[in-house]
N, C-alpha and C. Protein backbone atom coordinates (compact mmCIF):
# COMPACT_ATOMS: atom_id res chain seq x y z
N MET A 1 -86.44 43.22 -104.47
CA MET A 1 -88.15 42.62 -104.18
C MET A 1 -88.32 43.36 -105.44
N LYS A 2 -89.03 42.28 -105.87
CA LYS A 2 -89.55 42.68 -107.48
C LYS A 2 -91.07 42.98 -107.15
N GLY A 3 -91.93 43.51 -107.76
CA GLY A 3 -93.33 43.85 -108.03
C GLY A 3 -93.79 44.94 -107.07
N SER A 4 -94.89 44.74 -106.52
CA SER A 4 -95.42 45.72 -105.48
C SER A 4 -94.61 45.65 -104.81
N ARG A 5 -94.86 47.08 -103.95
CA ARG A 5 -94.05 47.68 -102.79
C ARG A 5 -95.04 47.95 -101.12
N PRO A 6 -94.88 47.38 -100.39
CA PRO A 6 -95.48 48.10 -99.33
C PRO A 6 -95.74 49.53 -99.29
N GLU A 7 -96.42 50.00 -98.86
CA GLU A 7 -96.70 51.55 -98.53
C GLU A 7 -95.38 52.11 -97.71
N GLN A 8 -94.93 53.02 -97.78
CA GLN A 8 -93.66 53.81 -96.79
C GLN A 8 -94.25 54.71 -96.17
N ALA A 9 -93.83 54.84 -94.46
CA ALA A 9 -94.05 56.28 -93.89
C ALA A 9 -95.51 56.89 -93.83
N VAL A 10 -96.25 55.86 -93.54
CA VAL A 10 -97.76 56.27 -93.37
C VAL A 10 -97.94 56.89 -92.38
N LEU A 11 -97.38 56.69 -91.33
CA LEU A 11 -97.74 57.74 -90.03
C LEU A 11 -97.52 59.43 -90.47
N SER A 12 -96.62 59.46 -90.74
CA SER A 12 -95.56 60.66 -90.61
C SER A 12 -96.17 61.40 -92.24
N ARG A 13 -96.96 61.03 -92.95
CA ARG A 13 -97.12 61.83 -94.04
C ARG A 13 -97.61 62.37 -94.21
N ASP A 14 -98.50 63.06 -93.59
CA ASP A 14 -99.24 64.18 -93.61
C ASP A 14 -98.65 65.26 -92.42
N THR A 15 -97.57 65.17 -91.57
CA THR A 15 -97.48 65.94 -90.56
C THR A 15 -97.15 67.31 -90.82
N ASP A 16 -97.58 68.44 -89.89
CA ASP A 16 -97.46 69.76 -90.51
C ASP A 16 -96.21 69.93 -89.52
N LEU A 17 -95.72 70.69 -90.23
CA LEU A 17 -94.35 71.35 -90.31
C LEU A 17 -94.17 72.41 -89.35
N GLY A 18 -95.88 72.93 -89.42
CA GLY A 18 -95.87 74.23 -88.30
C GLY A 18 -95.67 74.36 -87.17
N LYS A 19 -95.79 72.61 -86.88
CA LYS A 19 -95.51 72.47 -85.22
C LYS A 19 -94.36 71.81 -84.79
N THR A 20 -93.47 71.97 -85.54
CA THR A 20 -91.80 71.38 -84.98
C THR A 20 -91.26 72.00 -84.08
N ASP A 21 -91.26 73.10 -83.81
CA ASP A 21 -91.20 74.35 -82.59
C ASP A 21 -92.17 73.67 -81.34
N GLU A 22 -93.43 73.73 -81.67
CA GLU A 22 -94.26 72.96 -80.22
C GLU A 22 -93.44 71.85 -79.83
N THR A 23 -93.55 70.90 -80.96
CA THR A 23 -92.85 69.94 -80.79
C THR A 23 -91.41 69.55 -79.80
N ARG A 24 -90.59 70.12 -80.46
CA ARG A 24 -89.01 70.51 -79.75
C ARG A 24 -89.43 70.76 -78.37
N LYS A 25 -90.15 71.59 -78.00
CA LYS A 25 -90.15 72.29 -76.73
C LYS A 25 -90.72 70.65 -75.53
N VAL A 26 -91.75 70.24 -76.50
CA VAL A 26 -92.43 69.19 -75.10
C VAL A 26 -91.41 68.04 -75.34
N ILE A 27 -90.71 67.81 -76.26
CA ILE A 27 -89.52 66.99 -76.16
C ILE A 27 -88.33 67.22 -74.99
N GLU A 28 -88.01 68.59 -75.24
CA GLU A 28 -86.89 69.39 -74.32
C GLU A 28 -87.20 69.21 -72.98
N THR A 29 -88.12 69.62 -73.10
CA THR A 29 -88.53 69.92 -71.45
C THR A 29 -89.28 68.54 -70.79
N MET A 30 -89.61 67.53 -71.60
CA MET A 30 -89.55 66.04 -71.18
C MET A 30 -88.50 65.30 -70.54
N VAL A 31 -87.49 65.32 -71.32
CA VAL A 31 -86.10 64.79 -71.14
C VAL A 31 -85.41 65.65 -70.08
N ASP A 32 -85.59 66.74 -69.71
CA ASP A 32 -85.31 67.13 -68.63
C ASP A 32 -86.02 66.70 -67.39
N GLY A 33 -87.08 66.51 -67.71
CA GLY A 33 -88.06 65.87 -66.44
C GLY A 33 -87.80 64.71 -66.33
N LEU A 34 -87.18 63.70 -67.32
CA LEU A 34 -86.69 62.37 -66.86
C LEU A 34 -85.45 62.40 -66.12
N ASN A 35 -84.66 63.83 -66.71
CA ASN A 35 -83.40 63.64 -66.23
C ASN A 35 -83.65 63.89 -64.32
N ASP A 36 -84.54 64.58 -64.21
CA ASP A 36 -85.00 65.12 -62.97
C ASP A 36 -85.66 63.86 -61.89
N HIS A 37 -85.62 62.89 -62.85
CA HIS A 37 -86.08 61.37 -61.96
C HIS A 37 -87.49 61.80 -61.59
N ARG A 38 -88.26 62.86 -62.43
CA ARG A 38 -89.96 62.74 -62.15
C ARG A 38 -90.51 61.89 -62.66
N ILE A 39 -91.74 61.03 -61.92
CA ILE A 39 -92.69 59.86 -61.81
C ILE A 39 -94.23 60.56 -61.78
N ASP A 40 -94.36 61.04 -60.88
CA ASP A 40 -95.81 61.17 -60.32
C ASP A 40 -96.61 62.55 -61.33
N ASP A 41 -95.68 63.52 -61.56
CA ASP A 41 -96.25 64.26 -62.33
C ASP A 41 -95.92 64.41 -63.80
N ILE A 42 -95.55 63.30 -64.41
CA ILE A 42 -94.80 63.04 -65.94
C ILE A 42 -95.50 63.47 -67.03
N GLY A 43 -97.05 63.03 -66.25
CA GLY A 43 -98.17 63.35 -67.21
C GLY A 43 -98.23 64.93 -67.84
N ASP A 44 -97.24 65.97 -67.24
CA ASP A 44 -96.83 66.88 -67.61
C ASP A 44 -96.69 66.90 -69.30
N PHE A 45 -96.19 65.90 -69.14
CA PHE A 45 -95.56 65.51 -70.75
C PHE A 45 -95.96 64.72 -71.65
N PHE A 46 -96.79 63.95 -70.89
CA PHE A 46 -97.49 62.32 -71.87
C PHE A 46 -98.84 62.72 -71.73
N ALA A 47 -99.98 62.37 -72.72
CA ALA A 47 -101.29 62.18 -72.67
C ALA A 47 -101.96 60.94 -71.79
N ASP A 48 -102.38 60.62 -71.24
CA ASP A 48 -103.31 60.35 -70.20
C ASP A 48 -103.17 58.86 -70.94
N GLY A 49 -103.75 58.62 -72.39
CA GLY A 49 -103.88 57.41 -73.34
C GLY A 49 -102.62 57.16 -74.09
N PHE A 50 -101.57 58.10 -73.95
CA PHE A 50 -100.60 57.82 -74.70
C PHE A 50 -99.77 56.08 -74.70
N ARG A 51 -99.37 55.67 -75.75
CA ARG A 51 -98.91 54.51 -76.22
C ARG A 51 -97.18 54.25 -75.97
N TRP A 52 -96.89 53.66 -74.98
CA TRP A 52 -95.02 53.62 -75.08
C TRP A 52 -95.18 51.92 -75.53
N MET A 53 -94.04 51.77 -76.84
CA MET A 53 -93.99 50.75 -77.18
C MET A 53 -92.34 50.33 -77.55
N GLY A 54 -92.02 49.29 -76.76
CA GLY A 54 -90.80 49.23 -76.33
C GLY A 54 -90.78 47.78 -77.17
N ASN A 55 -89.56 47.28 -77.31
CA ASN A 55 -88.74 46.10 -77.56
C ASN A 55 -89.11 45.16 -76.39
N PHE A 56 -88.71 43.94 -77.12
CA PHE A 56 -89.21 42.94 -76.03
C PHE A 56 -88.02 42.98 -74.85
N GLY A 57 -88.46 42.38 -74.04
CA GLY A 57 -87.83 42.58 -72.60
C GLY A 57 -88.27 44.30 -72.15
N CYS A 58 -88.85 44.87 -72.88
CA CYS A 58 -89.40 46.44 -72.34
C CYS A 58 -90.68 46.35 -72.19
N GLY A 59 -91.93 45.88 -72.97
CA GLY A 59 -92.90 45.64 -73.00
C GLY A 59 -93.66 46.90 -73.60
N THR A 60 -94.83 46.66 -73.47
CA THR A 60 -96.07 48.11 -74.42
C THR A 60 -96.68 48.36 -72.79
N LYS A 61 -96.81 49.56 -72.95
CA LYS A 61 -97.52 50.15 -71.99
C LYS A 61 -98.34 51.30 -72.41
N ASN A 62 -99.53 50.87 -71.67
CA ASN A 62 -100.62 51.56 -72.35
C ASN A 62 -101.33 52.29 -71.41
N GLY A 63 -101.00 53.76 -71.38
CA GLY A 63 -101.83 54.83 -70.75
C GLY A 63 -100.68 55.15 -69.93
N LEU A 64 -100.64 56.39 -69.08
CA LEU A 64 -99.49 57.18 -68.17
C LEU A 64 -99.00 56.16 -67.16
N LYS A 65 -100.55 55.34 -66.35
CA LYS A 65 -100.31 54.81 -65.34
C LYS A 65 -99.11 53.36 -65.35
N GLU A 66 -99.38 52.89 -66.47
CA GLU A 66 -98.87 51.75 -66.80
C GLU A 66 -97.19 51.86 -66.99
N PHE A 67 -97.27 52.95 -67.53
CA PHE A 67 -95.71 53.46 -68.08
C PHE A 67 -94.87 54.12 -66.82
N GLN A 68 -96.14 54.82 -65.95
CA GLN A 68 -94.97 55.26 -64.28
C GLN A 68 -95.06 53.59 -63.66
N ASP A 69 -95.57 53.05 -63.77
CA ASP A 69 -95.64 51.94 -62.66
C ASP A 69 -94.70 50.55 -63.21
N ASN A 70 -95.10 50.50 -64.75
CA ASN A 70 -94.35 49.35 -65.39
C ASN A 70 -93.09 49.90 -66.30
N TRP A 71 -92.60 50.80 -66.40
CA TRP A 71 -91.37 51.56 -66.83
C TRP A 71 -90.99 52.10 -65.60
N GLN A 72 -91.28 53.16 -65.53
CA GLN A 72 -90.43 54.01 -65.01
C GLN A 72 -90.25 53.63 -63.49
N ARG A 73 -90.92 53.50 -62.77
CA ARG A 73 -90.64 52.79 -61.17
C ARG A 73 -89.76 51.83 -61.20
N PRO A 74 -89.90 50.52 -61.82
CA PRO A 74 -88.60 49.44 -61.89
C PRO A 74 -87.54 49.85 -62.12
N PHE A 75 -87.41 50.95 -63.22
CA PHE A 75 -86.10 51.21 -64.40
C PHE A 75 -85.44 52.06 -63.37
N GLN A 76 -86.07 53.22 -62.32
CA GLN A 76 -85.29 53.84 -61.19
C GLN A 76 -84.79 52.86 -60.20
N ALA A 77 -85.71 51.85 -59.81
CA ALA A 77 -85.47 51.04 -58.98
C ALA A 77 -84.11 50.34 -59.16
N ALA A 78 -83.98 49.80 -60.78
CA ALA A 78 -82.61 48.95 -60.95
C ALA A 78 -81.40 49.91 -61.36
N PHE A 79 -81.82 51.20 -61.61
CA PHE A 79 -80.59 51.99 -62.07
C PHE A 79 -80.81 53.30 -61.22
N SER A 80 -79.87 53.46 -60.31
CA SER A 80 -79.53 54.54 -59.51
C SER A 80 -78.69 55.60 -60.34
N ASP A 81 -78.52 57.29 -59.67
CA ASP A 81 -77.45 57.75 -60.41
C ASP A 81 -77.54 58.09 -62.16
N LYS A 82 -78.61 58.44 -62.47
CA LYS A 82 -79.01 58.39 -63.95
C LYS A 82 -79.07 59.55 -64.68
N VAL A 83 -78.34 59.77 -65.56
CA VAL A 83 -78.57 60.81 -66.52
C VAL A 83 -78.80 60.02 -68.08
N CYS A 84 -79.64 61.02 -68.38
CA CYS A 84 -79.77 60.46 -69.92
C CYS A 84 -79.40 61.53 -70.54
N ILE A 85 -78.43 61.02 -72.07
CA ILE A 85 -78.15 61.84 -72.83
C ILE A 85 -78.38 61.52 -73.83
N ASP A 86 -79.08 62.65 -74.96
CA ASP A 86 -79.50 62.69 -76.33
C ASP A 86 -78.63 62.98 -77.33
N GLU A 87 -77.76 61.79 -77.72
CA GLU A 87 -76.31 62.46 -78.87
C GLU A 87 -76.99 62.94 -80.01
N ALA A 88 -78.64 62.68 -80.50
CA ALA A 88 -79.10 63.39 -81.61
C ALA A 88 -80.39 63.74 -81.40
N ARG A 89 -80.90 64.62 -81.99
CA ARG A 89 -82.57 65.15 -81.79
C ARG A 89 -82.99 65.60 -83.19
N LEU A 90 -83.87 64.90 -83.82
CA LEU A 90 -84.58 65.27 -84.79
C LEU A 90 -86.06 65.64 -84.54
N TYR A 91 -86.39 66.18 -85.19
CA TYR A 91 -87.98 67.12 -85.31
C TYR A 91 -88.44 67.63 -86.74
N MET A 92 -89.70 67.19 -86.85
CA MET A 92 -90.39 67.20 -88.11
C MET A 92 -91.66 67.26 -87.65
N GLY A 93 -92.45 68.53 -87.45
CA GLY A 93 -93.82 68.61 -87.24
C GLY A 93 -94.02 68.23 -86.01
N GLU A 94 -95.37 67.15 -85.87
CA GLU A 94 -95.57 66.53 -84.62
C GLU A 94 -94.83 65.66 -84.52
N TRP A 95 -93.25 64.99 -84.98
CA TRP A 95 -92.70 63.95 -84.81
C TRP A 95 -91.64 64.48 -84.35
N ALA A 96 -90.79 64.04 -83.70
CA ALA A 96 -89.41 63.62 -82.87
C ALA A 96 -89.02 62.53 -82.43
N ALA A 97 -87.87 62.32 -82.77
CA ALA A 97 -86.86 60.94 -82.71
C ALA A 97 -85.51 61.91 -81.75
N ALA A 98 -84.84 60.31 -81.19
CA ALA A 98 -83.97 60.92 -80.31
C ALA A 98 -82.82 58.92 -80.29
N PHE A 99 -81.27 59.37 -80.17
CA PHE A 99 -80.86 58.29 -79.81
C PHE A 99 -79.81 58.82 -78.72
N GLY A 100 -79.52 57.89 -77.86
CA GLY A 100 -78.54 58.16 -77.05
C GLY A 100 -78.30 56.96 -75.95
N ARG A 101 -77.87 57.76 -74.71
CA ARG A 101 -77.76 56.61 -73.59
C ARG A 101 -78.11 57.27 -72.63
N GLN A 102 -78.08 56.45 -71.24
CA GLN A 102 -78.54 56.85 -70.21
C GLN A 102 -77.22 56.19 -69.40
N GLU A 103 -76.45 56.74 -68.66
CA GLU A 103 -75.38 56.23 -67.83
C GLU A 103 -75.88 56.56 -66.40
N ALA A 104 -75.93 54.90 -65.28
CA ALA A 104 -76.35 54.58 -64.24
C ALA A 104 -75.45 53.73 -63.63
N THR A 105 -76.01 53.59 -62.39
CA THR A 105 -75.52 52.28 -61.46
C THR A 105 -76.46 51.53 -61.61
N HIS A 106 -76.10 50.21 -61.22
CA HIS A 106 -76.77 49.06 -61.52
C HIS A 106 -76.90 48.68 -60.03
N SER A 107 -78.28 49.17 -59.44
CA SER A 107 -78.03 49.40 -57.76
C SER A 107 -79.26 48.79 -57.16
N GLY A 108 -80.35 47.85 -58.70
CA GLY A 108 -81.29 46.91 -58.08
C GLY A 108 -81.47 46.23 -58.70
N THR A 109 -82.44 45.45 -58.27
CA THR A 109 -82.62 44.10 -59.16
C THR A 109 -83.07 44.28 -60.69
N PHE A 110 -82.53 44.00 -61.73
CA PHE A 110 -83.04 43.86 -63.39
C PHE A 110 -82.99 42.63 -64.23
N MET A 111 -83.74 42.21 -64.48
CA MET A 111 -83.86 41.25 -65.06
C MET A 111 -83.68 40.19 -64.58
N GLY A 112 -83.97 40.17 -63.00
CA GLY A 112 -83.54 38.88 -62.31
C GLY A 112 -82.41 38.83 -61.74
N ILE A 113 -81.51 40.12 -62.30
CA ILE A 113 -80.14 40.27 -61.46
C ILE A 113 -79.94 40.71 -60.73
N ALA A 114 -79.46 39.95 -59.11
CA ALA A 114 -79.09 41.16 -58.18
C ALA A 114 -78.15 42.53 -58.66
N PRO A 115 -78.41 43.65 -57.91
CA PRO A 115 -77.75 44.70 -58.27
C PRO A 115 -76.05 44.20 -57.99
N THR A 116 -75.10 44.52 -59.22
CA THR A 116 -73.86 44.65 -59.39
C THR A 116 -72.53 45.76 -58.69
N GLY A 117 -73.81 47.48 -58.61
CA GLY A 117 -72.88 47.77 -58.58
C GLY A 117 -72.29 48.87 -59.28
N LYS A 118 -71.89 48.16 -60.80
CA LYS A 118 -71.52 48.58 -61.93
C LYS A 118 -72.47 49.54 -62.71
N ARG A 119 -71.47 50.69 -63.34
CA ARG A 119 -71.65 51.91 -63.87
C ARG A 119 -71.81 51.25 -65.43
N VAL A 120 -73.20 51.46 -65.99
CA VAL A 120 -73.49 51.07 -67.21
C VAL A 120 -74.23 52.27 -67.88
N ASP A 121 -73.99 52.19 -69.36
CA ASP A 121 -74.75 52.82 -70.30
C ASP A 121 -75.70 51.73 -71.19
N ILE A 122 -77.08 52.64 -71.22
CA ILE A 122 -78.28 52.15 -71.33
C ILE A 122 -78.43 52.56 -72.70
N ARG A 123 -78.43 52.02 -74.11
CA ARG A 123 -78.33 52.92 -75.16
C ARG A 123 -79.86 52.68 -75.50
N TYR A 124 -80.08 53.83 -76.26
CA TYR A 124 -81.64 53.67 -76.61
C TYR A 124 -81.76 54.34 -77.81
N MET A 125 -82.91 54.09 -78.60
CA MET A 125 -83.85 55.25 -79.73
C MET A 125 -84.95 55.09 -79.04
N ASP A 126 -85.29 56.52 -79.57
CA ASP A 126 -87.27 57.23 -79.02
C ASP A 126 -87.61 57.58 -80.37
N PHE A 127 -89.06 57.00 -80.76
CA PHE A 127 -89.47 58.02 -81.78
C PHE A 127 -90.69 58.28 -81.08
N TRP A 128 -91.08 59.87 -80.71
CA TRP A 128 -92.47 59.97 -80.33
C TRP A 128 -93.28 60.62 -81.34
N LYS A 129 -94.49 60.70 -81.29
CA LYS A 129 -95.73 61.82 -81.91
C LYS A 129 -96.13 62.84 -80.69
N VAL A 130 -96.16 63.90 -81.07
CA VAL A 130 -96.74 64.77 -79.88
C VAL A 130 -98.10 65.89 -80.85
N VAL A 131 -99.32 65.62 -80.22
CA VAL A 131 -100.16 66.13 -80.33
C VAL A 131 -101.02 67.18 -79.12
N ASP A 132 -101.13 68.14 -79.49
CA ASP A 132 -101.80 69.19 -78.91
C ASP A 132 -100.98 69.22 -77.57
N GLY A 133 -99.74 69.50 -77.79
CA GLY A 133 -98.49 69.59 -76.33
C GLY A 133 -98.52 68.53 -75.49
N LYS A 134 -98.82 67.07 -76.14
CA LYS A 134 -98.66 66.23 -75.51
C LYS A 134 -98.01 64.88 -75.83
N ILE A 135 -97.11 64.14 -75.55
CA ILE A 135 -96.78 63.02 -76.52
C ILE A 135 -97.83 61.89 -76.10
N VAL A 136 -98.44 61.40 -77.42
CA VAL A 136 -99.20 60.35 -77.61
C VAL A 136 -98.89 59.29 -77.85
N ASP A 137 -98.08 58.78 -78.73
CA ASP A 137 -97.19 57.66 -79.11
C ASP A 137 -95.49 57.81 -78.69
N ASN A 138 -94.91 56.61 -78.20
CA ASN A 138 -93.57 56.47 -78.43
C ASN A 138 -92.96 55.52 -78.56
N TRP A 139 -92.75 55.09 -79.50
CA TRP A 139 -91.70 53.81 -79.97
C TRP A 139 -90.47 54.24 -79.47
N VAL A 140 -89.76 52.95 -78.71
CA VAL A 140 -88.53 52.77 -78.25
C VAL A 140 -88.09 51.28 -78.22
N MET A 141 -86.54 51.89 -78.53
CA MET A 141 -85.42 50.43 -78.33
C MET A 141 -84.79 50.97 -77.37
N VAL A 142 -84.64 49.59 -76.57
CA VAL A 142 -83.65 49.93 -75.45
C VAL A 142 -82.60 48.90 -75.46
N ASP A 143 -81.39 49.00 -75.60
CA ASP A 143 -80.54 47.90 -75.83
C ASP A 143 -79.99 47.26 -74.82
N PHE A 144 -81.23 46.41 -74.15
CA PHE A 144 -81.02 45.44 -73.05
C PHE A 144 -80.21 44.11 -73.27
N PRO A 145 -79.76 43.87 -74.01
CA PRO A 145 -78.56 42.58 -74.24
C PRO A 145 -77.19 43.52 -74.09
N HIS A 146 -76.86 44.87 -74.43
CA HIS A 146 -75.95 45.67 -74.20
C HIS A 146 -75.54 45.73 -72.46
N VAL A 147 -76.66 46.17 -71.87
CA VAL A 147 -77.06 46.36 -70.28
C VAL A 147 -76.31 45.19 -69.90
N LEU A 148 -77.34 44.15 -70.26
CA LEU A 148 -76.81 42.76 -69.35
C LEU A 148 -75.15 42.34 -69.82
N ALA A 149 -74.66 42.25 -70.98
CA ALA A 149 -73.44 42.02 -71.21
C ALA A 149 -72.43 42.77 -70.53
N GLN A 150 -72.92 44.11 -69.58
CA GLN A 150 -71.91 45.47 -68.94
C GLN A 150 -72.19 44.34 -67.71
N ILE A 151 -73.24 44.14 -66.98
CA ILE A 151 -73.27 43.33 -65.56
C ILE A 151 -73.20 42.05 -66.07
N GLY A 152 -72.19 41.06 -66.65
CA GLY A 152 -71.83 39.52 -66.89
C GLY A 152 -72.88 38.95 -67.04
N HIS A 153 -73.66 39.22 -68.29
CA HIS A 153 -74.77 38.22 -68.58
C HIS A 153 -74.70 38.06 -69.91
N ASP A 154 -74.26 37.17 -70.95
CA ASP A 154 -74.22 37.08 -72.36
C ASP A 154 -75.61 36.24 -72.70
N ILE A 155 -76.23 37.40 -72.91
CA ILE A 155 -77.52 36.44 -73.39
C ILE A 155 -78.02 35.60 -74.87
N PHE A 156 -76.68 35.90 -75.45
CA PHE A 156 -76.33 35.51 -76.57
C PHE A 156 -75.13 34.10 -76.93
N LYS A 157 -74.92 34.37 -75.51
CA LYS A 157 -73.84 32.90 -75.40
C LYS A 157 -73.03 32.66 -76.40
N GLY A 158 -71.97 34.29 -76.56
CA GLY A 158 -71.37 33.76 -77.29
C GLY A 158 -71.41 34.07 -78.90
N GLN A 159 -72.55 33.98 -79.21
CA GLN A 159 -73.27 33.38 -80.59
C GLN A 159 -73.34 35.21 -81.34
N GLY A 160 -73.28 36.04 -80.26
CA GLY A 160 -73.88 37.15 -80.94
C GLY A 160 -72.95 37.70 -82.11
N TRP A 161 -73.35 38.04 -83.46
CA TRP A 161 -72.49 38.42 -84.39
C TRP A 161 -71.50 39.05 -84.49
N GLU A 162 -71.02 39.60 -83.04
CA GLU A 162 -69.94 40.57 -82.79
C GLU A 162 -68.97 39.39 -83.07
N ALA A 163 -69.00 38.48 -83.23
CA ALA A 163 -68.14 37.10 -83.52
C ALA A 163 -67.30 37.48 -84.54
N PHE A 164 -68.16 37.55 -85.58
CA PHE A 164 -67.91 38.26 -86.85
C PHE A 164 -66.72 39.12 -86.88
N ASP A 165 -67.45 40.19 -86.32
CA ASP A 165 -66.57 41.43 -86.62
C ASP A 165 -65.10 40.80 -85.66
N ARG A 166 -65.23 40.28 -84.66
CA ARG A 166 -63.81 39.98 -84.39
C ARG A 166 -62.97 38.73 -85.45
N GLY A 167 -63.68 38.28 -86.22
CA GLY A 167 -63.11 37.18 -86.86
C GLY A 167 -63.03 36.00 -85.61
N GLU A 168 -64.06 35.82 -84.84
CA GLU A 168 -64.04 34.50 -84.01
C GLU A 168 -64.88 33.31 -84.92
N ALA A 169 -65.58 33.94 -85.90
CA ALA A 169 -66.99 32.78 -86.30
C ALA A 169 -66.95 33.48 -88.12
N ALA A 170 -67.30 32.72 -88.61
CA ALA A 170 -67.23 33.14 -90.38
C ALA A 170 -69.01 33.30 -90.74
N PRO A 171 -68.90 34.81 -90.95
CA PRO A 171 -70.44 34.70 -91.46
C PRO A 171 -71.04 33.92 -92.24
N PRO A 172 -72.46 33.32 -92.23
CA PRO A 172 -73.22 32.93 -93.42
C PRO A 172 -72.96 33.74 -94.77
N LYS A 173 -73.39 33.40 -95.88
CA LYS A 173 -73.67 34.25 -96.95
C LYS A 173 -75.44 33.12 -97.14
N PRO A 174 -75.87 34.28 -97.70
CA PRO A 174 -77.35 33.59 -98.56
C PRO A 174 -76.74 32.60 -99.94
N GLU A 175 -77.57 32.07 -99.65
CA GLU A 175 -77.62 31.10 -101.21
C GLU A 175 -78.44 31.97 -102.51
N ALA A 176 -77.33 31.65 -103.55
CA ALA A 176 -77.49 32.60 -104.86
C ALA A 176 -78.83 32.78 -104.92
N VAL A 177 -79.85 33.59 -105.67
CA VAL A 177 -81.00 33.33 -106.19
C VAL A 177 -80.84 33.62 -107.51
N ALA A 178 -81.90 32.84 -107.94
CA ALA A 178 -81.76 32.34 -109.65
C ALA A 178 -82.75 33.46 -110.37
């Protein structure tokens, strides 16, 4: 890319590194709360007006009640025997990030698909901002295409780029730029 570049990392530029331990405590206790399947008292960790911003299929939740009613309850209705396993966590001032998986049983309707009883891995990435001991923003990516594939629904109909990895299709190449 030639010429001017977009400004980068604006949201985390002025983070207060002295708040790293407080952020770590909030995130660690929140994950324990999620593993205990807490819903009604999850406000112990999230600000009332926090924003939960998920990828397509997950939606965006504005405020604690929307998070509880439009994410936690439907998620727990679709997946039982669930445990969250953060494979890595990073902390920097008011910011934290993690990636990992939830292991769960598909025991309720998910994306219109009746329960299969299959055990699934639900891969995710989370990015949190903590202010005054509560999560105020949460950016989330949940790998719903992977979950759907595990319960027998390939949303890419065989056209996912995994076909390139398996040698079943040739990847396209960009045209040469002058």
